Every structure is written in structure tokens, then in C-alpha cells.
Amino acid sequence: MEFFDAHSIFFTALGYKLSYLEFFAVITGIAAVILSAKASIWSWPMGIVNVFLSAFLYYQIQLYPDMFLMVFFFVTNIMGWWRWKNPKPEEEDKNKELKISFMPLRQFLYLLAIGIVGTSLIGTLASQLHKWLPLVFNLPSAYPFIDSFIFVMSVITTFLMIQKRVECWIIWLTIDIVATYLYFLKGIKFMGIEYFIFTIIAGFALWNWIKEYKSYSKAALKAGNL
């Protein structure tokens, strides 16, 4: 289908030829992240649409770790949707959905160490894909280690988001900055702009989730005084 061809142009803006695939991948991605920043459960189904479109794009521009990441995101969007909708009684917020929480610092640092090791391993594997599977990956992986950093850290922070941990937004901020650089470098400028917007949204989300977390103690204090 033409829609799923990264070379099928939707329109040209300021000399940049934007494909249907890149445009709608970006729009659905921005919508999903805005909903996540608001802690809205609808971020998950929107994310499912986004990862489906993005996977087609990444394959065609040789960002293979990002393509594999979309498969992971498809599964975790379903998991996150279910987890937020079905909290234990003690985990419920006022909307009967999962509460926002912080994680232990030691656990957070441990996950970061895993991310560094994982980036090195996945990056090495990605750089060899065109040699091992030339019929599937006929061109070398573009920027395998930068791309693998995005892959590995996205996996880690997605599990934190499923559990509604505040720290997920600290990692997303870092990922979005790196991804903005990579996508401009690779020439998919509209997606680069998307991730620049994601960086701003992630900053807002971090602030908003901390604010929501603090509101729980205020509500509990108010309830205790009644």
C-alpha cells in the first residue's frame, strides 16, 4: 500500500518531503505522549496505533533496533492499558485507576546500569544484522549504538510507566533528547521535531506526575481530619 511506503509523499513543507507514514506516526505519537503526561489511560490505545505505523517507517530507513522496539511497545501498551485499568484496591486513585508512585533510589540506579550494559550488547548485535541476515536487512544498521540506547532505555522506562513510577519521565527526557539528535541526523526531520516536542512534554509530565503524587498525601491528611 502507498500509505505504508516511506517514499510516498503526503506534502512538502519548507522543502522537506513528508510521507504519509511519517506524518501520521508523528501525530499519533504526540497524542499518545500528551495523554501519558496527563496520566490518561487513553494513552495506551493511542500508543498501539503509533507503534504500528512507526515500525513500518523504521524498517524502511534502517533503524532496526527502533523497529524491534515497536514490537515490544505493542505488547507493553496492552499490558499498561490493563495494569492502569485494574489496580489493587490499595493502589487506586480517585478515578479507580493505578496511583503514581516513586521507586527506591537503589533500584533506579540498578536499572540505569543495566541500560548501559544492554546498550553495548544490543548495539554490537545491531551492527552485525546485515551480515547475519542479508536477505532481511540488506543495508547496515544506521547508528547502531545510539539507536540501541533508545531501544534499551525505552524498554526499561516503559515498565516503569506501566507501574506509574515518576522516574519514567526522567529517563524519557534523556531518550527524547538523544532521539531528537538521531532523527535529524538521519534526515527524518518531522520525527526529529516530534521528539523535540516530546522533550518539552516529558518535562511537563515529570512536573505533573510529582504534583499528582503529592496530592495523595494532602487528600489523606484532609480525610484524616474529617
Protein backbone atom coordinates (compact mmCIF):
# COMPACT_ATOMS: atom_id res chain seq x y z
CA MET A 1 0.00 0.00 0.00
CA GLU A 2 1.20 3.52 -0.79
CA PHE A 3 0.30 4.73 2.69
CA PHE A 4 2.91 2.41 4.25
CA ASP A 5 5.66 3.40 1.79
CA ALA A 6 8.12 5.82 3.42
CA HIS A 7 8.71 7.34 -0.03
CA SER A 8 5.04 8.09 -0.69
CA ILE A 9 4.85 11.86 -0.15
CA PHE A 10 1.89 13.41 1.67
CA PHE A 11 3.02 17.02 1.25
CA THR A 12 6.14 19.19 1.11
CA ALA A 13 6.83 21.84 3.77
CA LEU A 14 9.79 24.24 3.57
CA GLY A 15 11.40 21.93 1.03
CA TYR A 16 11.03 18.84 3.23
CA LYS A 17 9.11 15.97 1.64
CA LEU A 18 6.90 14.42 4.30
CA SER A 19 5.48 10.94 3.77
CA TYR A 20 2.03 9.82 4.86
CA LEU A 21 3.69 7.27 7.13
CA GLU A 22 5.98 9.72 8.92
CA PHE A 23 3.21 12.33 9.31
CA PHE A 24 0.66 10.03 10.92
CA ALA A 25 3.29 8.23 13.02
CA VAL A 26 4.30 11.61 14.44
CA ILE A 27 0.73 12.83 15.06
CA THR A 28 -0.35 9.67 16.87
CA GLY A 29 2.91 9.65 18.83
CA ILE A 30 2.42 13.21 20.06
CA ALA A 31 -1.19 12.45 21.01
CA ALA A 32 -0.11 9.35 22.98
CA VAL A 33 2.59 11.23 24.91
CA ILE A 34 0.29 14.16 25.76
CA LEU A 35 -2.26 11.69 27.13
CA SER A 36 0.51 9.96 29.12
CA ALA A 37 1.65 13.30 30.56
CA LYS A 38 -1.89 13.79 31.82
CA ALA A 39 -1.84 10.24 33.25
CA SER A 40 -4.76 9.38 30.95
CA ILE A 41 -5.44 5.71 30.34
CA TRP A 42 -6.25 6.53 26.69
CA SER A 43 -2.52 7.00 26.05
CA TRP A 44 -2.21 3.21 25.70
CA PRO A 45 -4.63 2.57 22.79
CA MET A 46 -3.29 5.65 21.01
CA GLY A 47 0.19 4.24 21.52
CA ILE A 48 -0.82 0.98 19.83
CA VAL A 49 -1.72 2.88 16.66
CA ASN A 50 1.54 4.82 16.85
CA VAL A 51 3.84 1.82 17.19
CA PHE A 52 2.16 0.05 14.28
CA LEU A 53 2.88 2.98 11.95
CA SER A 54 6.36 3.66 13.34
CA ALA A 55 7.52 0.07 12.82
CA PHE A 56 6.94 0.35 9.07
CA LEU A 57 8.88 3.62 8.95
CA TYR A 58 11.90 2.44 10.97
CA TYR A 59 12.33 -0.70 8.87
CA GLN A 60 12.49 1.32 5.66
CA ILE A 61 15.14 3.74 6.98
CA GLN A 62 17.35 1.01 8.54
CA LEU A 63 16.73 1.92 12.21
CA TYR A 64 16.35 -1.75 13.08
CA PRO A 65 16.58 -1.56 16.89
CA ASP A 66 13.82 1.06 16.80
CA MET A 67 11.74 -1.30 14.65
CA PHE A 68 12.15 -4.14 17.15
CA LEU A 69 11.30 -1.67 19.90
CA MET A 70 7.90 -1.10 18.30
CA VAL A 71 7.10 -4.82 18.64
CA PHE A 72 7.93 -4.55 22.34
CA PHE A 73 5.83 -1.39 22.65
CA PHE A 74 2.85 -3.11 21.05
CA VAL A 75 2.87 -5.74 23.81
CA THR A 76 3.56 -3.29 26.65
CA ASN A 77 0.84 -0.89 25.51
CA ILE A 78 -1.64 -3.71 26.01
CA MET A 79 -0.05 -4.53 29.40
CA GLY A 80 -0.09 -0.90 30.50
CA TRP A 81 -3.71 -0.43 29.45
CA TRP A 82 -4.72 -3.43 31.56
CA ARG A 83 -2.49 -2.51 34.56
CA TRP A 84 -3.76 1.07 34.84
CA LYS A 85 -7.36 -0.10 34.50
CA ASN A 86 -7.08 -2.92 37.06
CA PRO A 87 -5.17 -1.73 40.15
CA LYS A 88 -5.36 -3.45 43.52
CA PRO A 89 -7.70 -1.69 45.99
CA GLU A 90 -4.80 -0.07 47.87
CA GLU A 91 -3.31 1.20 44.57
CA GLU A 92 -6.40 3.05 43.37
CA ASP A 93 -6.56 6.80 42.86
CA LYS A 94 -9.74 8.87 42.87
CA ASN A 95 -10.55 7.60 39.36
CA LYS A 96 -10.20 3.97 40.47
CA GLU A 97 -7.02 3.74 38.40
CA LEU A 98 -3.42 2.99 39.40
CA LYS A 99 -1.73 5.61 41.62
CA ILE A 100 1.50 7.40 40.71
CA SER A 101 4.50 6.43 42.90
CA PHE A 102 8.28 6.76 43.29
CA MET A 103 10.68 3.80 43.26
CA PRO A 104 13.65 3.12 45.62
CA LEU A 105 16.81 5.00 44.54
CA ARG A 106 18.99 1.87 44.59
CA GLN A 107 16.59 0.09 42.26
CA PHE A 108 16.58 3.08 39.91
CA LEU A 109 20.41 3.18 39.75
CA TYR A 110 20.49 -0.57 39.18
CA LEU A 111 18.19 -0.19 36.18
CA LEU A 112 20.42 2.54 34.74
CA ALA A 113 23.45 0.23 35.00
CA ILE A 114 21.51 -2.49 33.16
CA GLY A 115 20.68 0.10 30.49
CA ILE A 116 24.35 0.88 29.86
CA VAL A 117 25.33 -2.79 29.56
CA GLY A 118 22.28 -3.53 27.41
CA THR A 119 23.08 -0.66 25.05
CA SER A 120 26.55 -2.06 24.44
CA LEU A 121 25.28 -5.58 23.77
CA ILE A 122 22.33 -4.64 21.53
CA GLY A 123 24.44 -2.09 19.65
CA THR A 124 27.02 -4.76 18.84
CA LEU A 125 24.31 -7.14 17.63
CA ALA A 126 22.58 -4.45 15.55
CA SER A 127 25.83 -3.58 13.79
CA GLN A 128 26.08 -7.17 12.52
CA LEU A 129 22.48 -7.76 11.37
CA HIS A 130 23.21 -7.04 7.70
CA LYS A 131 25.95 -9.70 7.77
CA TRP A 132 23.96 -12.37 9.58
CA LEU A 133 20.60 -11.82 7.81
CA PRO A 134 21.40 -10.10 4.50
CA LEU A 135 18.12 -11.15 2.88
CA VAL A 136 16.11 -9.37 5.58
CA PHE A 137 18.47 -6.49 6.44
CA ASN A 138 20.14 -5.66 3.14
CA LEU A 139 21.71 -2.43 4.47
CA PRO A 140 23.80 -1.88 7.63
CA SER A 141 22.07 -0.58 10.73
CA ALA A 142 22.31 3.22 10.90
CA TYR A 143 23.95 4.48 14.13
CA PRO A 144 23.51 1.12 15.92
CA PHE A 145 24.71 2.22 19.37
CA ILE A 146 22.72 5.46 19.57
CA ASP A 147 19.69 3.60 18.26
CA SER A 148 20.28 0.78 20.75
CA PHE A 149 20.46 3.27 23.64
CA ILE A 150 16.99 4.47 22.65
CA PHE A 151 15.82 0.85 22.39
CA VAL A 152 17.18 -0.38 25.73
CA MET A 153 16.26 2.66 27.82
CA SER A 154 12.78 2.75 26.27
CA VAL A 155 12.25 -0.87 27.33
CA ILE A 156 13.29 -0.04 30.88
CA THR A 157 11.24 3.12 31.22
CA THR A 158 8.14 1.54 29.66
CA PHE A 159 7.99 -0.95 32.52
CA LEU A 160 8.29 1.97 34.93
CA MET A 161 5.43 3.71 33.15
CA ILE A 162 3.26 0.58 33.37
CA GLN A 163 3.77 0.78 37.15
CA LYS A 164 3.17 4.57 37.06
CA ARG A 165 6.60 5.39 38.51
CA VAL A 166 7.60 9.07 38.41
CA GLU A 167 11.15 8.14 37.39
CA CYS A 168 9.95 7.01 33.97
CA TRP A 169 9.80 10.66 32.89
CA ILE A 170 13.42 11.32 33.91
CA ILE A 171 14.52 8.56 31.53
CA TRP A 172 12.07 9.65 28.81
CA LEU A 173 13.61 13.15 28.94
CA THR A 174 17.04 11.68 28.21
CA ILE A 175 15.73 9.38 25.48
CA ASP A 176 13.85 12.21 23.77
CA ILE A 177 16.94 14.43 23.64
CA VAL A 178 19.05 11.63 22.12
CA ALA A 179 16.29 10.65 19.68
CA THR A 180 15.85 14.27 18.53
CA TYR A 181 19.55 14.36 17.63
CA LEU A 182 19.43 10.95 15.89
CA TYR A 183 16.37 11.65 13.73
CA PHE A 184 17.69 15.00 12.50
CA LEU A 185 20.99 13.24 11.77
CA LYS A 186 19.13 10.52 9.83
CA GLY A 187 17.12 13.07 7.85
CA ILE A 188 13.61 12.36 9.19
CA LYS A 189 13.19 15.94 10.34
CA PHE A 190 9.49 15.84 11.13
CA MET A 191 10.11 12.95 13.52
CA GLY A 192 13.04 14.93 14.96
CA ILE A 193 10.65 17.81 15.64
CA GLU A 194 8.25 15.30 17.21
CA TYR A 195 10.89 14.17 19.70
CA PHE A 196 11.83 17.76 20.47
CA ILE A 197 8.16 18.28 21.35
CA PHE A 198 8.31 15.05 23.38
CA THR A 199 11.20 16.54 25.37
CA ILE A 200 9.04 19.50 26.34
CA ILE A 201 6.06 17.27 27.14
CA ALA A 202 8.26 14.96 29.25
CA GLY A 203 9.35 17.95 31.35
CA PHE A 204 5.72 18.90 31.89
CA ALA A 205 4.80 15.27 32.62
CA LEU A 206 7.51 14.96 35.28
CA TRP A 207 6.16 18.08 37.00
CA ASN A 208 2.53 16.97 36.63
CA TRP A 209 3.12 13.45 37.98
CA ILE A 210 5.04 14.79 41.01
CA LYS A 211 2.18 17.22 41.63
CA GLU A 212 -0.35 14.37 41.40
CA TYR A 213 1.75 12.23 43.76
CA LYS A 214 1.87 14.99 46.36
CA SER A 215 -1.89 15.43 46.12
CA TYR A 216 -2.41 11.93 47.56
CA SER A 217 -0.86 12.85 50.90
CA LYS A 218 -2.87 16.06 51.02
CA ALA A 219 -6.06 14.12 50.35
CA ALA A 220 -5.16 11.56 53.02
CA LEU A 221 -4.42 14.32 55.53
CA LYS A 222 -7.72 16.02 54.76
CA ALA A 223 -9.58 12.74 55.12
CA GLY A 224 -7.86 12.10 58.47
CA ASN A 225 -9.01 15.46 59.82
CA LEU A 226 -12.66 14.75 59.00
